[in-house]
Amino acid sequence: MKGSNKLAWTWRVKAECLEEYVAMHLEPWPEILEEHTKAGIRNYSIFQNGNQFFYCFECDDTEAAFAYIAKSEACNRWNAITSKMVEGSFDFNEETPMEPLREVFYLK
């Protein structure tokens, strides 16, 4: 089966940060949206189940996208805030800033 250009992962948000994390994502900074678009990320969705969040986006070159985000001043400011809220790595300078989920089904 040929896969898609999607990347998906999950993170848990610390209970004491849940309200602020959701509020930030309900009204993201315009420059964050712009930077993700410039990085080549599209169709980005985040879903919530309690304190677990499921993230999914499409991107033709995730390595280039993560490199762009790692150099983005706006994204670094955003990540400095939100990285303290999640259980896991948020460092886009790491080789794998999150553990991608395996895609097992894709309907074109």
PDB file of N, CA and C in Angstrom:
ATOM      1  N   MET A   1       0.839  -1.185   0.000  1.00  0.00           N
ATOM      2  CA  MET A   1       0.000   0.000   0.000  1.00  0.00           C
ATOM      3  C   MET A   1       0.885   1.250   0.000  1.00  0.00           C
ATOM      4  N   LYS A   2       0.604   2.144  -0.912  1.00  0.00           N
ATOM      5  CA  LYS A   2       1.335   3.405  -0.953  1.00  0.00           C
ATOM      6  C   LYS A   2       0.746   4.343   0.095  1.00  0.00           C
ATOM      7  N   GLY A   3       1.612   4.943   0.886  1.00  0.00           N
ATOM      8  CA  GLY A   3       1.165   5.847   1.941  1.00  0.00           C
ATOM      9  C   GLY A   3       0.862   7.238   1.422  1.00  0.00           C
ATOM     10  N   SER A   4       0.478   8.076   2.336  1.00  0.00           N
ATOM     11  CA  SER A   4       0.172   9.465   2.020  1.00  0.00           C
ATOM     12  C   SER A   4       1.353  10.335   2.434  1.00  0.00           C
ATOM     13  N   ASN A   5       1.201  11.632   2.310  1.00  0.00           N
ATOM     14  CA  ASN A   5       2.218  12.579   2.773  1.00  0.00           C
ATOM     15  C   ASN A   5       1.834  13.131   4.146  1.00  0.00           C
ATOM     16  N   LYS A   6       1.174  12.306   4.948  1.00  0.00           N
ATOM     17  CA  LYS A   6       0.728  12.742   6.264  1.00  0.00           C
ATOM     18  C   LYS A   6       1.717  12.321   7.341  1.00  0.00           C
ATOM     19  N   LEU A   7       1.764  13.128   8.387  1.00  0.00           N
ATOM     20  CA  LEU A   7       2.535  12.784   9.570  1.00  0.00           C
ATOM     21  C   LEU A   7       1.580  12.909  10.747  1.00  0.00           C
ATOM     22  N   ALA A   8       1.566  11.923  11.609  1.00  0.00           N
ATOM     23  CA  ALA A   8       0.685  11.952  12.772  1.00  0.00           C
ATOM     24  C   ALA A   8       1.452  11.517  14.006  1.00  0.00           C
ATOM     25  N   TRP A   9       1.075  12.078  15.154  1.00  0.00           N
ATOM     26  CA  TRP A   9       1.679  11.706  16.429  1.00  0.00           C
ATOM     27  C   TRP A   9       0.727  12.111  17.542  1.00  0.00           C
ATOM     28  N   THR A  10       1.028  11.667  18.741  1.00  0.00           N
ATOM     29  CA  THR A  10       0.237  12.063  19.900  1.00  0.00           C
ATOM     30  C   THR A  10       1.154  12.611  20.979  1.00  0.00           C
ATOM     31  N   TRP A  11       0.595  13.475  21.774  1.00  0.00           N
ATOM     32  CA  TRP A  11       1.249  13.979  22.976  1.00  0.00           C
ATOM     33  C   TRP A  11       0.193  14.046  24.065  1.00  0.00           C
ATOM     34  N   ARG A  12       0.635  13.921  25.291  1.00  0.00           N
ATOM     35  CA  ARG A  12      -0.232  14.179  26.432  1.00  0.00           C
ATOM     36  C   ARG A  12       0.133  15.554  26.975  1.00  0.00           C
ATOM     37  N   VAL A  13      -0.889  16.302  27.318  1.00  0.00           N
ATOM     38  CA  VAL A  13      -0.698  17.623  27.904  1.00  0.00           C
ATOM     39  C   VAL A  13      -0.882  17.482  29.411  1.00  0.00           C
ATOM     40  N   LYS A  14       0.005  18.117  30.163  1.00  0.00           N
ATOM     41  CA  LYS A  14      -0.077  18.077  31.625  1.00  0.00           C
ATOM     42  C   LYS A  14      -1.416  18.661  32.072  1.00  0.00           C
ATOM     43  N   ALA A  15      -2.046  17.999  33.036  1.00  0.00           N
ATOM     44  CA  ALA A  15      -3.393  18.378  33.491  1.00  0.00           C
ATOM     45  C   ALA A  15      -3.473  19.849  33.880  1.00  0.00           C
ATOM     46  N   GLU A  16      -2.449  20.344  34.551  1.00  0.00           N
ATOM     47  CA  GLU A  16      -2.470  21.739  35.015  1.00  0.00           C
ATOM     48  C   GLU A  16      -2.316  22.747  33.879  1.00  0.00           C
ATOM     49  N   CYS A  17      -1.972  22.275  32.685  1.00  0.00           N
ATOM     50  CA  CYS A  17      -1.767  23.155  31.524  1.00  0.00           C
ATOM     51  C   CYS A  17      -2.857  23.007  30.470  1.00  0.00           C
ATOM     52  N   LEU A  18      -3.774  22.096  30.698  1.00  0.00           N
ATOM     53  CA  LEU A  18      -4.761  21.739  29.684  1.00  0.00           C
ATOM     54  C   LEU A  18      -5.567  22.936  29.181  1.00  0.00           C
ATOM     55  N   GLU A  19      -6.096  23.725  30.077  1.00  0.00           N
ATOM     56  CA  GLU A  19      -6.931  24.861  29.685  1.00  0.00           C
ATOM     57  C   GLU A  19      -6.148  25.868  28.839  1.00  0.00           C
ATOM     58  N   GLU A  20      -4.936  26.197  29.266  1.00  0.00           N
ATOM     59  CA  GLU A  20      -4.119  27.164  28.526  1.00  0.00           C
ATOM     60  C   GLU A  20      -3.696  26.610  27.164  1.00  0.00           C
ATOM     61  N   TYR A  21      -3.349  25.331  27.113  1.00  0.00           N
ATOM     62  CA  TYR A  21      -2.932  24.703  25.856  1.00  0.00           C
ATOM     63  C   TYR A  21      -4.058  24.764  24.826  1.00  0.00           C
ATOM     64  N   VAL A  22      -5.259  24.390  25.261  1.00  0.00           N
ATOM     65  CA  VAL A  22      -6.411  24.423  24.354  1.00  0.00           C
ATOM     66  C   VAL A  22      -6.688  25.853  23.909  1.00  0.00           C
ATOM     67  N   ALA A  23      -6.668  26.800  24.845  1.00  0.00           N
ATOM     68  CA  ALA A  23      -6.940  28.206  24.509  1.00  0.00           C
ATOM     69  C   ALA A  23      -5.950  28.724  23.464  1.00  0.00           C
ATOM     70  N   MET A  24      -4.676  28.380  23.613  1.00  0.00           N
ATOM     71  CA  MET A  24      -3.669  28.831  22.639  1.00  0.00           C
ATOM     72  C   MET A  24      -3.967  28.275  21.249  1.00  0.00           C
ATOM     73  N   HIS A  25      -4.433  27.040  21.181  1.00  0.00           N
ATOM     74  CA  HIS A  25      -4.675  26.423  19.884  1.00  0.00           C
ATOM     75  C   HIS A  25      -6.022  26.816  19.284  1.00  0.00           C
ATOM     76  N   LEU A  26      -6.938  27.283  20.110  1.00  0.00           N
ATOM     77  CA  LEU A  26      -8.192  27.801  19.574  1.00  0.00           C
ATOM     78  C   LEU A  26      -7.995  29.169  18.923  1.00  0.00           C
ATOM     79  N   GLU A  27      -6.970  29.896  19.385  1.00  0.00           N
ATOM     80  CA  GLU A  27      -6.649  31.207  18.817  1.00  0.00           C
ATOM     81  C   GLU A  27      -5.138  31.323  18.613  1.00  0.00           C
ATOM     82  N   PRO A  28      -4.604  30.556  17.647  1.00  0.00           N
ATOM     83  CA  PRO A  28      -3.153  30.592  17.423  1.00  0.00           C
ATOM     84  C   PRO A  28      -2.696  31.942  16.881  1.00  0.00           C
ATOM     85  N   TRP A  29      -1.461  32.271  17.165  1.00  0.00           N
ATOM     86  CA  TRP A  29      -0.882  33.509  16.653  1.00  0.00           C
ATOM     87  C   TRP A  29      -0.868  33.444  15.123  1.00  0.00           C
ATOM     88  N   PRO A  30      -1.247  34.525  14.451  1.00  0.00           N
ATOM     89  CA  PRO A  30      -1.232  34.529  12.976  1.00  0.00           C
ATOM     90  C   PRO A  30       0.140  34.184  12.399  1.00  0.00           C
ATOM     91  N   GLU A  31       1.212  34.626  13.053  1.00  0.00           N
ATOM     92  CA  GLU A  31       2.547  34.330  12.519  1.00  0.00           C
ATOM     93  C   GLU A  31       2.898  32.851  12.617  1.00  0.00           C
ATOM     94  N   ILE A  32       2.300  32.128  13.554  1.00  0.00           N
ATOM     95  CA  ILE A  32       2.523  30.682  13.654  1.00  0.00           C
ATOM     96  C   ILE A  32       1.884  29.984  12.453  1.00  0.00           C
ATOM     97  N   LEU A  33       0.670  30.389  12.131  1.00  0.00           N
ATOM     98  CA  LEU A  33      -0.016  29.814  10.968  1.00  0.00           C
ATOM     99  C   LEU A  33       0.778  30.092   9.690  1.00  0.00           C
ATOM    100  N   GLU A  34       1.258  31.319   9.577  1.00  0.00           N
ATOM    101  CA  GLU A  34       2.033  31.715   8.394  1.00  0.00           C
ATOM    102  C   GLU A  34       3.333  30.917   8.290  1.00  0.00           C
ATOM    103  N   GLU A  35       4.028  30.748   9.391  1.00  0.00           N
ATOM    104  CA  GLU A  35       5.304  30.018   9.380  1.00  0.00           C
ATOM    105  C   GLU A  35       5.100  28.543   9.027  1.00  0.00           C
ATOM    106  N   HIS A  36       4.053  27.930   9.546  1.00  0.00           N
ATOM    107  CA  HIS A  36       3.788  26.537   9.204  1.00  0.00           C
ATOM    108  C   HIS A  36       3.466  26.402   7.709  1.00  0.00           C
ATOM    109  N   THR A  37       2.719  27.356   7.178  1.00  0.00           N
ATOM    110  CA  THR A  37       2.414  27.340   5.752  1.00  0.00           C
ATOM    111  C   THR A  37       3.697  27.496   4.929  1.00  0.00           C
ATOM    112  N   LYS A  38       4.557  28.442   5.317  1.00  0.00           N
ATOM    113  CA  LYS A  38       5.836  28.642   4.612  1.00  0.00           C
ATOM    114  C   LYS A  38       6.718  27.402   4.697  1.00  0.00           C
ATOM    115  N   ALA A  39       6.597  26.651   5.783  1.00  0.00           N
ATOM    116  CA  ALA A  39       7.392  25.430   5.963  1.00  0.00           C
ATOM    117  C   ALA A  39       6.897  24.294   5.066  1.00  0.00           C
ATOM    118  N   GLY A  40       5.712  24.471   4.466  1.00  0.00           N
ATOM    119  CA  GLY A  40       5.172  23.445   3.587  1.00  0.00           C
ATOM    120  C   GLY A  40       4.163  22.530   4.267  1.00  0.00           C
ATOM    121  N   ILE A  41       3.734  22.899   5.456  1.00  0.00           N
ATOM    122  CA  ILE A  41       2.752  22.106   6.192  1.00  0.00           C
ATOM    123  C   ILE A  41       1.355  22.560   5.782  1.00  0.00           C
ATOM    124  N   ARG A  42       0.488  21.587   5.541  1.00  0.00           N
ATOM    125  CA  ARG A  42      -0.890  21.903   5.141  1.00  0.00           C
ATOM    126  C   ARG A  42      -1.834  20.876   5.768  1.00  0.00           C
ATOM    127  N   ASN A  43      -3.121  21.237   5.754  1.00  0.00           N
ATOM    128  CA  ASN A  43      -4.159  20.351   6.290  1.00  0.00           C
ATOM    129  C   ASN A  43      -3.799  19.837   7.687  1.00  0.00           C
ATOM    130  N   TYR A  44      -3.404  20.752   8.547  1.00  0.00           N
ATOM    131  CA  TYR A  44      -2.954  20.427   9.902  1.00  0.00           C
ATOM    132  C   TYR A  44      -4.165  20.418  10.824  1.00  0.00           C
ATOM    133  N   SER A  45      -4.374  19.320  11.512  1.00  0.00           N
ATOM    134  CA  SER A  45      -5.465  19.194  12.470  1.00  0.00           C
ATOM    135  C   SER A  45      -4.927  18.675  13.794  1.00  0.00           C
ATOM    136  N   ILE A  46      -5.586  19.102  14.865  1.00  0.00           N
ATOM    137  CA  ILE A  46      -5.297  18.589  16.202  1.00  0.00           C
ATOM    138  C   ILE A  46      -6.630  18.187  16.814  1.00  0.00           C
ATOM    139  N   PHE A  47      -6.667  16.977  17.354  1.00  0.00           N
ATOM    140  CA  PHE A  47      -7.863  16.461  18.001  1.00  0.00           C
ATOM    141  C   PHE A  47      -7.540  16.168  19.463  1.00  0.00           C
ATOM    142  N   GLN A  48      -8.538  16.346  20.320  1.00  0.00           N
ATOM    143  CA  GLN A  48      -8.345  16.174  21.763  1.00  0.00           C
ATOM    144  C   GLN A  48      -9.209  15.035  22.287  1.00  0.00           C
ATOM    145  N   ASN A  49      -8.621  14.232  23.164  1.00  0.00           N
ATOM    146  CA  ASN A  49      -9.338  13.218  23.923  1.00  0.00           C
ATOM    147  C   ASN A  49      -8.813  13.305  25.354  1.00  0.00           C
ATOM    148  N   GLY A  50      -9.505  14.073  26.192  1.00  0.00           N
ATOM    149  CA  GLY A  50      -9.001  14.311  27.549  1.00  0.00           C
ATOM    150  C   GLY A  50      -7.721  15.114  27.481  1.00  0.00           C
ATOM    151  N   ASN A  51      -6.645  14.564  28.056  1.00  0.00           N
ATOM    152  CA  ASN A  51      -5.370  15.280  27.983  1.00  0.00           C
ATOM    153  C   ASN A  51      -4.454  14.709  26.892  1.00  0.00           C
ATOM    154  N   GLN A  52      -4.987  13.817  26.067  1.00  0.00           N
ATOM    155  CA  GLN A  52      -4.223  13.287  24.940  1.00  0.00           C
ATOM    156  C   GLN A  52      -4.660  14.018  23.671  1.00  0.00           C
ATOM    157  N   PHE A  53      -3.661  14.441  22.891  1.00  0.00           N
ATOM    158  CA  PHE A  53      -3.919  15.168  21.654  1.00  0.00           C
ATOM    159  C   PHE A  53      -3.323  14.384  20.492  1.00  0.00           C
ATOM    160  N   PHE A  54      -4.081  14.347  19.400  1.00  0.00           N
ATOM    161  CA  PHE A  54      -3.674  13.665  18.181  1.00  0.00           C
ATOM    162  C   PHE A  54      -3.442  14.736  17.121  1.00  0.00           C
ATOM    163  N   TYR A  55      -2.268  14.733  16.536  1.00  0.00           N
ATOM    164  CA  TYR A  55      -1.849  15.738  15.562  1.00  0.00           C
ATOM    165  C   TYR A  55      -1.660  15.054  14.213  1.00  0.00           C
ATOM    166  N   CYS A  56      -2.106  15.708  13.153  1.00  0.00           N
ATOM    167  CA  CYS A  56      -1.936  15.155  11.816  1.00  0.00           C
ATOM    168  C   CYS A  56      -1.816  16.296  10.815  1.00  0.00           C
ATOM    169  N   PHE A  57      -0.820  16.230   9.956  1.00  0.00           N
ATOM    170  CA  PHE A  57      -0.710  17.197   8.866  1.00  0.00           C
ATOM    171  C   PHE A  57      -0.130  16.539   7.641  1.00  0.00           C
ATOM    172  N   GLU A  58      -0.247  17.230   6.536  1.00  0.00           N
ATOM    173  CA  GLU A  58       0.351  16.792   5.288  1.00  0.00           C
ATOM    174  C   GLU A  58       1.554  17.673   4.986  1.00  0.00           C
ATOM    175  N   CYS A  59       2.579  17.063   4.400  1.00  0.00           N
ATOM    176  CA  CYS A  59       3.797  17.799   4.065  1.00  0.00           C
ATOM    177  C   CYS A  59       4.603  16.950   3.088  1.00  0.00           C
ATOM    178  N   ASP A  60       5.112  17.580   2.048  1.00  0.00           N
ATOM    179  CA  ASP A  60       5.903  16.843   1.073  1.00  0.00           C
ATOM    180  C   ASP A  60       7.316  16.549   1.559  1.00  0.00           C
ATOM    181  N   ASP A  61       7.846  17.392   2.447  1.00  0.00           N
ATOM    182  CA  ASP A  61       9.216  17.219   2.939  1.00  0.00           C
ATOM    183  C   ASP A  61       9.271  17.610   4.416  1.00  0.00           C
ATOM    184  N   THR A  62       9.002  16.654   5.293  1.00  0.00           N
ATOM    185  CA  THR A  62       8.964  16.965   6.729  1.00  0.00           C
ATOM    186  C   THR A  62      10.334  17.391   7.256  1.00  0.00           C
ATOM    187  N   GLU A  63      11.393  16.829   6.731  1.00  0.00           N
ATOM    188  CA  GLU A  63      12.737  17.214   7.177  1.00  0.00           C
ATOM    189  C   GLU A  63      12.970  18.709   6.923  1.00  0.00           C
ATOM    190  N   ALA A  64      12.637  19.175   5.728  1.00  0.00           N
ATOM    191  CA  ALA A  64      12.785  20.599   5.401  1.00  0.00           C
ATOM    192  C   ALA A  64      11.830  21.450   6.238  1.00  0.00           C
ATOM    193  N   ALA A  65      10.611  20.961   6.460  1.00  0.00           N
ATOM    194  CA  ALA A  65       9.638  21.707   7.268  1.00  0.00           C
ATOM    195  C   ALA A  65      10.133  21.872   8.693  1.00  0.00           C
ATOM    196  N   PHE A  66      10.646  20.798   9.293  1.00  0.00           N
ATOM    197  CA  PHE A  66      11.146  20.877  10.667  1.00  0.00           C
ATOM    198  C   PHE A  66      12.375  21.780  10.751  1.00  0.00           C
ATOM    199  N   ALA A  67      13.221  21.757   9.730  1.00  0.00           N
ATOM    200  CA  ALA A  67      14.384  22.646   9.716  1.00  0.00           C
ATOM    201  C   ALA A  67      13.938  24.101   9.661  1.00  0.00           C
ATOM    202  N   TYR A  68      12.926  24.386   8.876  1.00  0.00           N
ATOM    203  CA  TYR A  68      12.397  25.752   8.778  1.00  0.00           C
ATOM    204  C   TYR A  68      11.819  26.188  10.122  1.00  0.00           C
ATOM    205  N   ILE A  69      11.006  25.338  10.721  1.00  0.00           N
ATOM    206  CA  ILE A  69      10.381  25.659  12.005  1.00  0.00           C
ATOM    207  C   ILE A  69      11.436  25.866  13.089  1.00  0.00           C
ATOM    208  N   ALA A  70      12.488  25.059  13.076  1.00  0.00           N
ATOM    209  CA  ALA A  70      13.550  25.172  14.079  1.00  0.00           C
ATOM    210  C   ALA A  70      14.242  26.532  14.017  1.00  0.00           C
ATOM    211  N   LYS A  71      14.246  27.161  12.840  1.00  0.00           N
ATOM    212  CA  LYS A  71      14.899  28.467  12.666  1.00  0.00           C
ATOM    213  C   LYS A  71      13.932  29.636  12.802  1.00  0.00           C
ATOM    214  N   SER A  72      12.660  29.346  12.940  1.00  0.00           N
ATOM    215  CA  SER A  72      11.637  30.392  12.992  1.00  0.00           C
ATOM    216  C   SER A  72      11.566  31.018  14.384  1.00  0.00           C
ATOM    217  N   GLU A  73      11.747  32.312  14.446  1.00  0.00           N
ATOM    218  CA  GLU A  73      11.695  33.032  15.723  1.00  0.00           C
ATOM    219  C   GLU A  73      10.314  32.909  16.342  1.00  0.00           C
ATOM    220  N   ALA A  74       9.268  33.063  15.540  1.00  0.00           N
ATOM    221  CA  ALA A  74       7.895  32.961  16.047  1.00  0.00           C
ATOM    222  C   ALA A  74       7.619  31.555  16.576  1.00  0.00           C
ATOM    223  N   CYS A  75       8.012  30.539  15.834  1.00  0.00           N
ATOM    224  CA  CYS A  75       7.782  29.157  16.276  1.00  0.00           C
ATOM    225  C   CYS A  75       8.583  28.844  17.532  1.00  0.00           C
ATOM    226  N   ASN A  76       9.781  29.368  17.638  1.00  0.00           N
ATOM    227  CA  ASN A  76      10.580  29.141  18.847  1.00  0.00           C
ATOM    228  C   ASN A  76       9.950  29.800  20.068  1.00  0.00           C
ATOM    229  N   ARG A  77       9.333  30.983  19.891  1.00  0.00           N
ATOM    230  CA  ARG A  77       8.630  31.641  21.004  1.00  0.00           C
ATOM    231  C   ARG A  77       7.415  30.809  21.423  1.00  0.00           C
ATOM    232  N   TRP A  78       6.625  30.363  20.428  1.00  0.00           N
ATOM    233  CA  TRP A  78       5.446  29.533  20.691  1.00  0.00           C
ATOM    234  C   TRP A  78       5.856  28.235  21.393  1.00  0.00           C
ATOM    235  N   ASN A  79       6.880  27.570  20.846  1.00  0.00           N
ATOM    236  CA  ASN A  79       7.325  26.288  21.390  1.00  0.00           C
ATOM    237  C   ASN A  79       7.921  26.426  22.788  1.00  0.00           C
ATOM    238  N   ALA A  80       8.514  27.567  23.091  1.00  0.00           N
ATOM    239  CA  ALA A  80       9.046  27.794  24.443  1.00  0.00           C
ATOM    240  C   ALA A  80       7.916  27.773  25.469  1.00  0.00           C
ATOM    241  N   ILE A  81       6.754  28.228  25.058  1.00  0.00           N
ATOM    242  CA  ILE A  81       5.582  28.222  25.958  1.00  0.00           C
ATOM    243  C   ILE A  81       4.956  26.829  25.998  1.00  0.00           C
ATOM    244  N   THR A  82       4.622  26.296  24.825  1.00  0.00           N
ATOM    245  CA  THR A  82       3.856  25.051  24.776  1.00  0.00           C
ATOM    246  C   THR A  82       4.679  23.816  25.118  1.00  0.00           C
ATOM    247  N   SER A  83       5.984  23.855  24.933  1.00  0.00           N
ATOM    248  CA  SER A  83       6.808  22.680  25.233  1.00  0.00           C
ATOM    249  C   SER A  83       6.790  22.342  26.715  1.00  0.00           C
ATOM    250  N   LYS A  84       6.556  23.330  27.553  1.00  0.00           N
ATOM    251  CA  LYS A  84       6.481  23.079  28.995  1.00  0.00           C
ATOM    252  C   LYS A  84       5.153  22.437  29.375  1.00  0.00           C
ATOM    253  N   MET A  85       4.200  22.438  28.455  1.00  0.00           N
ATOM    254  CA  MET A  85       2.858  21.925  28.729  1.00  0.00           C
ATOM    255  C   MET A  85       2.689  20.456  28.365  1.00  0.00           C
ATOM    256  N   VAL A  86       3.552  19.933  27.490  1.00  0.00           N
ATOM    257  CA  VAL A  86       3.383  18.559  27.007  1.00  0.00           C
ATOM    258  C   VAL A  86       4.372  17.617  27.683  1.00  0.00           C
ATOM    259  N   GLU A  87       4.004  16.350  27.664  1.00  0.00           N
ATOM    260  CA  GLU A  87       4.900  15.299  28.143  1.00  0.00           C
ATOM    261  C   GLU A  87       5.621  14.736  26.932  1.00  0.00           C
ATOM    262  N   GLY A  88       6.830  15.187  26.670  1.00  0.00           N
ATOM    263  CA  GLY A  88       7.579  14.726  25.508  1.00  0.00           C
ATOM    264  C   GLY A  88       8.436  15.838  24.933  1.00  0.00           C
ATOM    265  N   SER A  89       9.166  15.491  23.879  1.00  0.00           N
ATOM    266  CA  SER A  89      10.082  16.434  23.247  1.00  0.00           C
ATOM    267  C   SER A  89       9.329  17.378  22.320  1.00  0.00           C
ATOM    268  N   PHE A  90       9.807  18.598  22.280  1.00  0.00           N
ATOM    269  CA  PHE A  90       9.222  19.615  21.412  1.00  0.00           C
ATOM    270  C   PHE A  90      10.345  20.317  20.660  1.00  0.00           C
ATOM    271  N   ASP A  91      11.534  19.750  20.692  1.00  0.00           N
ATOM    272  CA  ASP A  91      12.714  20.382  20.122  1.00  0.00           C
ATOM    273  C   ASP A  91      12.858  20.002  18.655  1.00  0.00           C
ATOM    274  N   PHE A  92      12.543  20.946  17.765  1.00  0.00           N
ATOM    275  CA  PHE A  92      12.605  20.665  16.330  1.00  0.00           C
ATOM    276  C   PHE A  92      14.038  20.625  15.805  1.00  0.00           C
ATOM    277  N   ASN A  93      15.019  20.851  16.688  1.00  0.00           N
ATOM    278  CA  ASN A  93      16.408  20.656  16.296  1.00  0.00           C
ATOM    279  C   ASN A  93      16.826  19.197  16.463  1.00  0.00           C
ATOM    280  N   GLU A  94      16.023  18.412  17.179  1.00  0.00           N
ATOM    281  CA  GLU A  94      16.300  16.982  17.316  1.00  0.00           C
ATOM    282  C   GLU A  94      15.999  16.282  16.006  1.00  0.00           C
ATOM    283  N   GLU A  95      16.617  15.118  15.807  1.00  0.00           N
ATOM    284  CA  GLU A  95      16.396  14.363  14.581  1.00  0.00           C
ATOM    285  C   GLU A  95      14.920  13.995  14.431  1.00  0.00           C
ATOM    286  N   THR A  96      14.300  13.556  15.509  1.00  0.00           N
ATOM    287  CA  THR A  96      12.874  13.224  15.511  1.00  0.00           C
ATOM    288  C   THR A  96      12.230  13.954  16.685  1.00  0.00           C
ATOM    289  N   PRO A  97      11.642  15.134  16.432  1.00  0.00           N
ATOM    290  CA  PRO A  97      11.082  15.909  17.546  1.00  0.00           C
ATOM    291  C   PRO A  97       9.848  15.276  18.175  1.00  0.00           C
ATOM    292  N   MET A  98       9.256  14.321  17.495  1.00  0.00           N
ATOM    293  CA  MET A  98       8.158  13.564  18.071  1.00  0.00           C
ATOM    294  C   MET A  98       8.207  12.176  17.455  1.00  0.00           C
ATOM    295  N   GLU A  99       7.538  11.223  18.073  1.00  0.00           N
ATOM    296  CA  GLU A  99       7.533   9.858  17.548  1.00  0.00           C
ATOM    297  C   GLU A  99       6.351   9.711  16.585  1.00  0.00           C
ATOM    298  N   PRO A 100       6.619   9.658  15.276  1.00  0.00           N
ATOM    299  CA  PRO A 100       5.524   9.556  14.316  1.00  0.00           C
ATOM    300  C   PRO A 100       4.774   8.231  14.461  1.00  0.00           C
ATOM    301  N   LEU A 101       3.483   8.282  14.224  1.00  0.00           N
ATOM    302  CA  LEU A 101       2.664   7.079  14.218  1.00  0.00           C
ATOM    303  C   LEU A 101       2.758   6.408  12.849  1.00  0.00           C
ATOM    304  N   ARG A 102       2.663   5.117  12.846  1.00  0.00           N
ATOM    305  CA  ARG A 102       2.700   4.349  11.596  1.00  0.00           C
ATOM    306  C   ARG A 102       1.338   4.447  10.908  1.00  0.00           C
ATOM    307  N   GLU A 103       1.347   4.819   9.658  1.00  0.00           N
ATOM    308  CA  GLU A 103       0.117   4.849   8.879  1.00  0.00           C
ATOM    309  C   GLU A 103      -0.180   3.443   8.388  1.00  0.00           C
ATOM    310  N   VAL A 104      -1.354   2.922   8.758  1.00  0.00           N
ATOM    311  CA  VAL A 104      -1.718   1.557   8.353  1.00  0.00           C
ATOM    312  C   VAL A 104      -2.860   1.525   7.351  1.00  0.00           C
ATOM    313  N   PHE A 105      -3.476   2.675   7.099  1.00  0.00           N
ATOM    314  CA  PHE A 105      -4.553   2.732   6.116  1.00  0.00           C
ATOM    315  C   PHE A 105      -4.621   4.130   5.539  1.00  0.00           C
ATOM    316  N   TYR A 106      -4.874   4.210   4.239  1.00  0.00           N
ATOM    317  CA  TYR A 106      -5.023   5.492   3.554  1.00  0.00           C
ATOM    318  C   TYR A 106      -6.004   5.300   2.415  1.00  0.00           C
ATOM    319  N   LEU A 107      -7.096   6.053   2.427  1.00  0.00           N
ATOM    320  CA  LEU A 107      -8.087   6.026   1.356  1.00  0.00           C
ATOM    321  C   LEU A 107      -7.937   7.282   0.539  1.00  0.00           C
ATOM    322  N   LYS A 108      -7.576   7.138  -0.711  1.00  0.00           N
ATOM    323  CA  LYS A 108      -7.429   8.285  -1.607  1.00  0.00           C
ATOM    324  C   LYS A 108      -8.759   8.833  -1.998  1.00  0.00           C
TER     325      LYS A 108
END
